Amino acid sequence: MASPITNEVINQSINLYVNSSVIISSSDMMVSKKDIAHVFNAETFIEGFISGILGIGVTLILCIPINIIINNLINVKNIATLPLYGGIGLILLSVILTLIAGIIPSNMASKKDPVEALRSE
């Protein structure tokens, strides 16, 4: 099983391949390479934020049956909880890891030549 960072690097590499047309059209419109990197970094930030929110949602949903099972087994109520700051920290961690994993693909995308991007499609 691959690590989450490895999976994110693979996803971002696939994203780079899929978004070659964005590079071509952006280069045709005289957009700077730095702006192309910003687009990819913004996309990665959004992916990290949404995945963090989804992770928190799944955690909160799973706390309900876990608390019921633990309460029935050992009569302890609300043992599985997610503190507010813990949830915020996990979302930030998700965003940071996704941004780190997206740095290499965004740099590759910003340096890619439009002619080469057309050839690879």
C-alpha atoms as a PDB file:
ATOM      1  CA  MET A   1       0.000   0.000   0.000  1.00  0.00           C
ATOM      2  CA  ALA A   2       1.398   3.358  -1.041  1.00  0.00           C
ATOM      3  CA  SER A   3       1.654   6.281   1.330  1.00  0.00           C
ATOM      4  CA  PRO A   4      -0.761   9.234   1.032  1.00  0.00           C
ATOM      5  CA  ILE A   5       2.068  11.490  -0.161  1.00  0.00           C
ATOM      6  CA  THR A   6       3.002   9.014  -2.911  1.00  0.00           C
ATOM      7  CA  ASN A   7      -0.635   8.823  -3.972  1.00  0.00           C
ATOM      8  CA  GLU A   8      -0.858  12.615  -4.071  1.00  0.00           C
ATOM      9  CA  VAL A   9       2.297  12.890  -6.194  1.00  0.00           C
ATOM     10  CA  ILE A  10       0.836  10.332  -8.609  1.00  0.00           C
ATOM     11  CA  ASN A  11      -2.486  12.210  -8.680  1.00  0.00           C
ATOM     12  CA  GLN A  12      -0.732  15.506  -9.330  1.00  0.00           C
ATOM     13  CA  SER A  13       1.341  13.936 -12.115  1.00  0.00           C
ATOM     14  CA  ILE A  14      -1.854  12.650 -13.734  1.00  0.00           C
ATOM     15  CA  ASN A  15      -3.337  16.103 -13.221  1.00  0.00           C
ATOM     16  CA  LEU A  16      -0.354  17.581 -15.064  1.00  0.00           C
ATOM     17  CA  TYR A  17      -0.943  15.244 -18.000  1.00  0.00           C
ATOM     18  CA  VAL A  18      -4.667  16.005 -18.112  1.00  0.00           C
ATOM     19  CA  ASN A  19      -4.136  19.768 -17.900  1.00  0.00           C
ATOM     20  CA  SER A  20      -1.720  20.000 -20.831  1.00  0.00           C
ATOM     21  CA  SER A  21      -4.422  21.797 -22.785  1.00  0.00           C
ATOM     22  CA  VAL A  22      -4.539  24.439 -20.029  1.00  0.00           C
ATOM     23  CA  ILE A  23      -0.817  25.001 -20.509  1.00  0.00           C
ATOM     24  CA  ILE A  24      -1.231  25.316 -24.257  1.00  0.00           C
ATOM     25  CA  SER A  25      -4.149  27.734 -24.120  1.00  0.00           C
ATOM     26  CA  SER A  26      -2.525  29.741 -21.317  1.00  0.00           C
ATOM     27  CA  SER A  27       0.684  30.014 -23.309  1.00  0.00           C
ATOM     28  CA  ASP A  28      -1.278  31.138 -26.346  1.00  0.00           C
ATOM     29  CA  MET A  29      -2.834  33.922 -24.276  1.00  0.00           C
ATOM     30  CA  MET A  30       0.633  35.111 -23.207  1.00  0.00           C
ATOM     31  CA  VAL A  31       0.183  34.047 -19.594  1.00  0.00           C
ATOM     32  CA  SER A  32       3.455  33.878 -17.681  1.00  0.00           C
ATOM     33  CA  LYS A  33       4.899  30.591 -16.476  1.00  0.00           C
ATOM     34  CA  LYS A  34       4.561  31.847 -12.915  1.00  0.00           C
ATOM     35  CA  ASP A  35       0.804  32.294 -13.424  1.00  0.00           C
ATOM     36  CA  ILE A  36       0.517  28.705 -14.703  1.00  0.00           C
ATOM     37  CA  ALA A  37       2.269  27.504 -11.533  1.00  0.00           C
ATOM     38  CA  HIS A  38      -0.175  29.590  -9.456  1.00  0.00           C
ATOM     39  CA  VAL A  39      -3.141  27.923 -11.180  1.00  0.00           C
ATOM     40  CA  PHE A  40      -1.800  24.471 -10.361  1.00  0.00           C
ATOM     41  CA  ASN A  41      -1.012  25.468  -6.766  1.00  0.00           C
ATOM     42  CA  ALA A  42      -4.517  26.891  -6.296  1.00  0.00           C
ATOM     43  CA  GLU A  43      -5.970  23.676  -7.660  1.00  0.00           C
ATOM     44  CA  THR A  44      -3.868  21.648  -5.224  1.00  0.00           C
ATOM     45  CA  PHE A  45      -4.919  23.851  -2.313  1.00  0.00           C
ATOM     46  CA  ILE A  46      -8.590  23.288  -3.145  1.00  0.00           C
ATOM     47  CA  GLU A  47      -8.052  19.524  -3.430  1.00  0.00           C
ATOM     48  CA  GLY A  48      -6.299  19.428  -0.046  1.00  0.00           C
ATOM     49  CA  PHE A  49      -8.999  21.503   1.630  1.00  0.00           C
ATOM     50  CA  ILE A  50     -11.844  19.402   0.235  1.00  0.00           C
ATOM     51  CA  SER A  51     -10.109  16.135   1.148  1.00  0.00           C
ATOM     52  CA  GLY A  52      -9.521  17.453   4.680  1.00  0.00           C
ATOM     53  CA  ILE A  53     -13.183  18.400   5.035  1.00  0.00           C
ATOM     54  CA  LEU A  54     -14.255  14.976   3.725  1.00  0.00           C
ATOM     55  CA  GLY A  55     -11.889  13.266   6.173  1.00  0.00           C
ATOM     56  CA  ILE A  56     -13.313  15.223   9.086  1.00  0.00           C
ATOM     57  CA  GLY A  57     -16.852  14.416   7.938  1.00  0.00           C
ATOM     58  CA  VAL A  58     -16.118  10.688   7.750  1.00  0.00           C
ATOM     59  CA  THR A  59     -14.486  10.830  11.182  1.00  0.00           C
ATOM     60  CA  LEU A  60     -17.483  12.555  12.741  1.00  0.00           C
ATOM     61  CA  ILE A  61     -19.888  10.092  11.129  1.00  0.00           C
ATOM     62  CA  LEU A  62     -17.827   7.111  12.341  1.00  0.00           C
ATOM     63  CA  CYS A  63     -17.742   8.497  15.896  1.00  0.00           C
ATOM     64  CA  ILE A  64     -21.471   7.824  16.248  1.00  0.00           C
ATOM     65  CA  PRO A  65     -21.441   4.008  15.828  1.00  0.00           C
ATOM     66  CA  ILE A  66     -18.114   3.724  17.672  1.00  0.00           C
ATOM     67  CA  ASN A  67     -19.578   5.538  20.689  1.00  0.00           C
ATOM     68  CA  ILE A  68     -22.673   3.299  20.608  1.00  0.00           C
ATOM     69  CA  ILE A  69     -20.575   0.113  20.466  1.00  0.00           C
ATOM     70  CA  ILE A  70     -18.201   1.245  23.236  1.00  0.00           C
ATOM     71  CA  ASN A  71     -21.130   2.350  25.396  1.00  0.00           C
ATOM     72  CA  ASN A  72     -22.778  -1.075  25.001  1.00  0.00           C
ATOM     73  CA  LEU A  73     -19.552  -2.987  25.691  1.00  0.00           C
ATOM     74  CA  ILE A  74     -17.991  -1.124  28.612  1.00  0.00           C
ATOM     75  CA  ASN A  75     -20.608   1.518  29.510  1.00  0.00           C
ATOM     76  CA  VAL A  76     -18.421   4.550  28.717  1.00  0.00           C
ATOM     77  CA  LYS A  77     -20.176   7.393  26.917  1.00  0.00           C
ATOM     78  CA  ASN A  78     -18.700   9.638  24.200  1.00  0.00           C
ATOM     79  CA  ILE A  79     -15.190   8.193  24.165  1.00  0.00           C
ATOM     80  CA  ALA A  80     -14.717   8.794  20.426  1.00  0.00           C
ATOM     81  CA  THR A  81     -14.711  12.550  19.828  1.00  0.00           C
ATOM     82  CA  LEU A  82     -12.917  14.975  17.571  1.00  0.00           C
ATOM     83  CA  PRO A  83     -11.881  18.234  19.247  1.00  0.00           C
ATOM     84  CA  LEU A  84     -12.410  21.413  17.233  1.00  0.00           C
ATOM     85  CA  TYR A  85      -8.718  22.321  17.147  1.00  0.00           C
ATOM     86  CA  GLY A  86      -7.845  18.745  16.211  1.00  0.00           C
ATOM     87  CA  GLY A  87     -10.177  18.940  13.215  1.00  0.00           C
ATOM     88  CA  ILE A  88      -8.775  22.288  12.127  1.00  0.00           C
ATOM     89  CA  GLY A  89      -5.238  20.935  12.517  1.00  0.00           C
ATOM     90  CA  LEU A  90      -6.061  17.902  10.380  1.00  0.00           C
ATOM     91  CA  ILE A  91      -7.504  20.094   7.631  1.00  0.00           C
ATOM     92  CA  LEU A  92      -4.366  22.265   7.701  1.00  0.00           C
ATOM     93  CA  LEU A  93      -2.182  19.151   7.595  1.00  0.00           C
ATOM     94  CA  SER A  94      -4.113  17.882   4.586  1.00  0.00           C
ATOM     95  CA  VAL A  95      -3.684  21.196   2.770  1.00  0.00           C
ATOM     96  CA  ILE A  96       0.034  21.410   3.587  1.00  0.00           C
ATOM     97  CA  LEU A  97       0.756  17.826   2.477  1.00  0.00           C
ATOM     98  CA  THR A  98      -1.197  18.327  -0.727  1.00  0.00           C
ATOM     99  CA  LEU A  99       0.634  21.585  -1.479  1.00  0.00           C
ATOM    100  CA  ILE A 100       3.997  19.910  -0.854  1.00  0.00           C
ATOM    101  CA  ALA A 101       3.043  17.042  -3.161  1.00  0.00           C
ATOM    102  CA  GLY A 102       1.869  19.519  -5.817  1.00  0.00           C
ATOM    103  CA  ILE A 103       5.046  21.605  -5.978  1.00  0.00           C
ATOM    104  CA  ILE A 104       6.902  19.317  -8.394  1.00  0.00           C
ATOM    105  CA  PRO A 105       4.004  18.896 -10.862  1.00  0.00           C
ATOM    106  CA  SER A 106       3.260  22.637 -10.823  1.00  0.00           C
ATOM    107  CA  ASN A 107       6.893  23.423 -11.591  1.00  0.00           C
ATOM    108  CA  MET A 108       6.846  20.845 -14.394  1.00  0.00           C
ATOM    109  CA  ALA A 109       3.657  22.376 -15.778  1.00  0.00           C
ATOM    110  CA  SER A 110       5.006  25.903 -15.705  1.00  0.00           C
ATOM    111  CA  LYS A 111       8.185  24.864 -17.527  1.00  0.00           C
ATOM    112  CA  LYS A 112       6.449  22.737 -20.152  1.00  0.00           C
ATOM    113  CA  ASP A 113       6.683  24.006 -23.702  1.00  0.00           C
ATOM    114  CA  PRO A 114       3.294  24.286 -25.486  1.00  0.00           C
ATOM    115  CA  VAL A 115       4.627  22.426 -28.522  1.00  0.00           C
ATOM    116  CA  GLU A 116       5.879  19.589 -26.326  1.00  0.00           C
ATOM    117  CA  ALA A 117       2.540  19.472 -24.491  1.00  0.00           C
ATOM    118  CA  LEU A 118       0.750  19.108 -27.825  1.00  0.00           C
ATOM    119  CA  ARG A 119       3.127  16.338 -28.860  1.00  0.00           C
ATOM    120  CA  SER A 120       2.535  14.368 -25.660  1.00  0.00           C
ATOM    121  CA  GLU A 121      -1.262  14.393 -26.033  1.00  0.00           C
END
